C-alpha atoms as a PDB file:
ATOM      1  CA  MET A   1      -9.309  17.812  10.946  1.00  0.00           C
ATOM      2  CA  PRO A   2      -8.970  15.422   7.706  1.00  0.00           C
ATOM      3  CA  THR A   3     -12.220  13.606   6.801  1.00  0.00           C
ATOM      4  CA  ILE A   4     -12.616  10.153   4.933  1.00  0.00           C
ATOM      5  CA  ALA A   5     -15.683   9.653   3.250  1.00  0.00           C
ATOM      6  CA  ALA A   6     -17.053   6.346   4.418  1.00  0.00           C
ATOM      7  CA  ALA A   7     -20.184   4.304   5.224  1.00  0.00           C
ATOM      8  CA  PRO A   8     -22.574   4.836   7.373  1.00  0.00           C
ATOM      9  CA  PHE A   9     -20.899   8.395   8.061  1.00  0.00           C
ATOM     10  CA  PRO A  10     -17.696  10.064   7.050  1.00  0.00           C
ATOM     11  CA  TYR A  11     -14.758   9.525   9.461  1.00  0.00           C
ATOM     12  CA  LYS A  12     -13.045  12.637  11.107  1.00  0.00           C
ATOM     13  CA  PHE A  13      -9.993  12.129  12.949  1.00  0.00           C
ATOM     14  CA  PRO A  14      -7.245  14.642  14.078  1.00  0.00           C
ATOM     15  CA  ALA A  15      -3.944  15.013  12.043  1.00  0.00           C
ATOM     16  CA  HIS A  16      -1.861  14.740  14.931  1.00  0.00           C
ATOM     17  CA  GLY A  17      -0.436  11.243  15.178  1.00  0.00           C
ATOM     18  CA  LEU A  18      -1.563  10.369  11.493  1.00  0.00           C
ATOM     19  CA  ALA A  19       0.808   8.486   9.147  1.00  0.00           C
ATOM     20  CA  LEU A  20       0.032   6.770   5.868  1.00  0.00           C
ATOM     21  CA  ILE A  21       1.412   3.125   6.112  1.00  0.00           C
ATOM     22  CA  VAL A  22       1.712   1.344   2.694  1.00  0.00           C
ATOM     23  CA  ILE A  23       2.426  -2.594   2.911  1.00  0.00           C
ATOM     24  CA  ASP A  24       3.825  -4.406   0.433  1.00  0.00           C
ATOM     25  CA  MET A  25       3.140  -2.237  -2.487  1.00  0.00           C
ATOM     26  CA  GLN A  26       5.957  -4.148  -4.544  1.00  0.00           C
ATOM     27  CA  ARG A  27       5.591  -5.339  -8.325  1.00  0.00           C
ATOM     28  CA  ASP A  28       6.315  -8.822  -7.016  1.00  0.00           C
ATOM     29  CA  PHE A  29       2.977  -8.794  -5.459  1.00  0.00           C
ATOM     30  CA  LEU A  30       1.003  -6.842  -7.698  1.00  0.00           C
ATOM     31  CA  GLU A  31       2.023  -7.721 -11.171  1.00  0.00           C
ATOM     32  CA  PRO A  32       1.476 -10.686 -13.407  1.00  0.00           C
ATOM     33  CA  GLY A  33       4.533 -13.026 -13.369  1.00  0.00           C
ATOM     34  CA  GLY A  34       5.362 -12.130  -9.755  1.00  0.00           C
ATOM     35  CA  PHE A  35       5.532 -13.936  -6.631  1.00  0.00           C
ATOM     36  CA  GLY A  36       1.909 -13.269  -5.752  1.00  0.00           C
ATOM     37  CA  GLU A  37       0.794 -14.835  -8.923  1.00  0.00           C
ATOM     38  CA  ALA A  38       2.985 -17.754  -8.404  1.00  0.00           C
ATOM     39  CA  LEU A  39       1.004 -18.393  -5.228  1.00  0.00           C
ATOM     40  CA  GLY A  40      -2.218 -18.669  -7.330  1.00  0.00           C
ATOM     41  CA  ASN A  41      -3.258 -15.348  -6.614  1.00  0.00           C
ATOM     42  CA  ASN A  42      -5.369 -13.330  -9.343  1.00  0.00           C
ATOM     43  CA  VAL A  43      -3.353 -10.212  -9.487  1.00  0.00           C
ATOM     44  CA  ALA A  44      -5.173  -8.488 -12.324  1.00  0.00           C
ATOM     45  CA  PRO A  45      -7.461  -6.507  -9.966  1.00  0.00           C
ATOM     46  CA  LEU A  46      -4.745  -5.064  -7.803  1.00  0.00           C
ATOM     47  CA  ALA A  47      -3.468  -2.844 -10.600  1.00  0.00           C
ATOM     48  CA  ALA A  48      -6.603  -0.649  -9.712  1.00  0.00           C
ATOM     49  CA  ILE A  49      -5.062   0.411  -6.347  1.00  0.00           C
ATOM     50  CA  VAL A  50      -1.931   1.863  -7.603  1.00  0.00           C
ATOM     51  CA  SER A  51      -3.251   5.015  -8.761  1.00  0.00           C
ATOM     52  CA  THR A  52      -5.238   5.399  -5.551  1.00  0.00           C
ATOM     53  CA  THR A  53      -2.035   4.789  -3.522  1.00  0.00           C
ATOM     54  CA  ARG A  54       0.065   7.343  -5.562  1.00  0.00           C
ATOM     55  CA  GLN A  55      -2.812   9.951  -4.617  1.00  0.00           C
ATOM     56  CA  LEU A  56      -2.560   9.047  -1.049  1.00  0.00           C
ATOM     57  CA  LEU A  57       1.501   9.346  -1.184  1.00  0.00           C
ATOM     58  CA  ASP A  58       1.147  12.871  -3.029  1.00  0.00           C
ATOM     59  CA  SER A  59      -1.448  14.215  -0.717  1.00  0.00           C
ATOM     60  CA  PHE A  60       0.381  13.135   2.426  1.00  0.00           C
ATOM     61  CA  GLY A  61       3.787  14.120   1.082  1.00  0.00           C
ATOM     62  CA  ALA A  62       2.276  17.932   0.294  1.00  0.00           C
ATOM     63  CA  LEU A  63       1.174  18.189   3.799  1.00  0.00           C
ATOM     64  CA  ARG A  64       4.382  16.784   5.102  1.00  0.00           C
ATOM     65  CA  TRP A  65       2.716  13.934   7.199  1.00  0.00           C
ATOM     66  CA  PRO A  66       4.530  10.722   7.887  1.00  0.00           C
ATOM     67  CA  ILE A  67       4.841   8.044   5.089  1.00  0.00           C
ATOM     68  CA  ILE A  68       5.906   4.369   6.238  1.00  0.00           C
ATOM     69  CA  HIS A  69       6.765   1.789   3.748  1.00  0.00           C
ATOM     70  CA  THR A  70       7.024  -1.740   4.340  1.00  0.00           C
ATOM     71  CA  LYS A  71       8.880  -4.110   2.182  1.00  0.00           C
ATOM     72  CA  GLU A  72       9.403  -7.886   2.050  1.00  0.00           C
ATOM     73  CA  ALA A  73      12.693  -8.914   0.409  1.00  0.00           C
ATOM     74  CA  HIS A  74      14.524 -12.263   0.005  1.00  0.00           C
ATOM     75  CA  ARG A  75      17.379 -13.617  -1.716  1.00  0.00           C
ATOM     76  CA  PRO A  76      16.257 -14.947  -5.305  1.00  0.00           C
ATOM     77  CA  ASP A  77      16.741 -18.628  -4.500  1.00  0.00           C
ATOM     78  CA  LEU A  78      14.462 -17.892  -1.264  1.00  0.00           C
ATOM     79  CA  SER A  79      17.160 -19.567   0.916  1.00  0.00           C
ATOM     80  CA  ASP A  80      16.550 -16.894   3.718  1.00  0.00           C
ATOM     81  CA  CYS A  81      12.885 -17.771   4.097  1.00  0.00           C
ATOM     82  CA  GLY A  82      11.787 -19.613   7.329  1.00  0.00           C
END
C-alpha cells in the first residue's frame, strides 16, 4: 500500500485504481517568456516542481502505474480560443 508523508499523519491508499495526473506541465506555463508570465504570474518558483514531477513520473513508470498528462494547446495567434 503506497504511503505519502503528509501532515498531520501519513496518507495510505491502495495501489488499485491509482494514477498520476500531470496537468499543464508545459514550458508555456512554467518558463519565463511564456503565456503564464504574460498573464503577470511570477513563474520563477515553478521551476522547483519539475524535479519532483520527474521523480513521480519515474516512480509510477517503474511500477507500471497509469500516468495521465493533460495539455492545453492553441494556435499561435490564439484564434481558436473562446
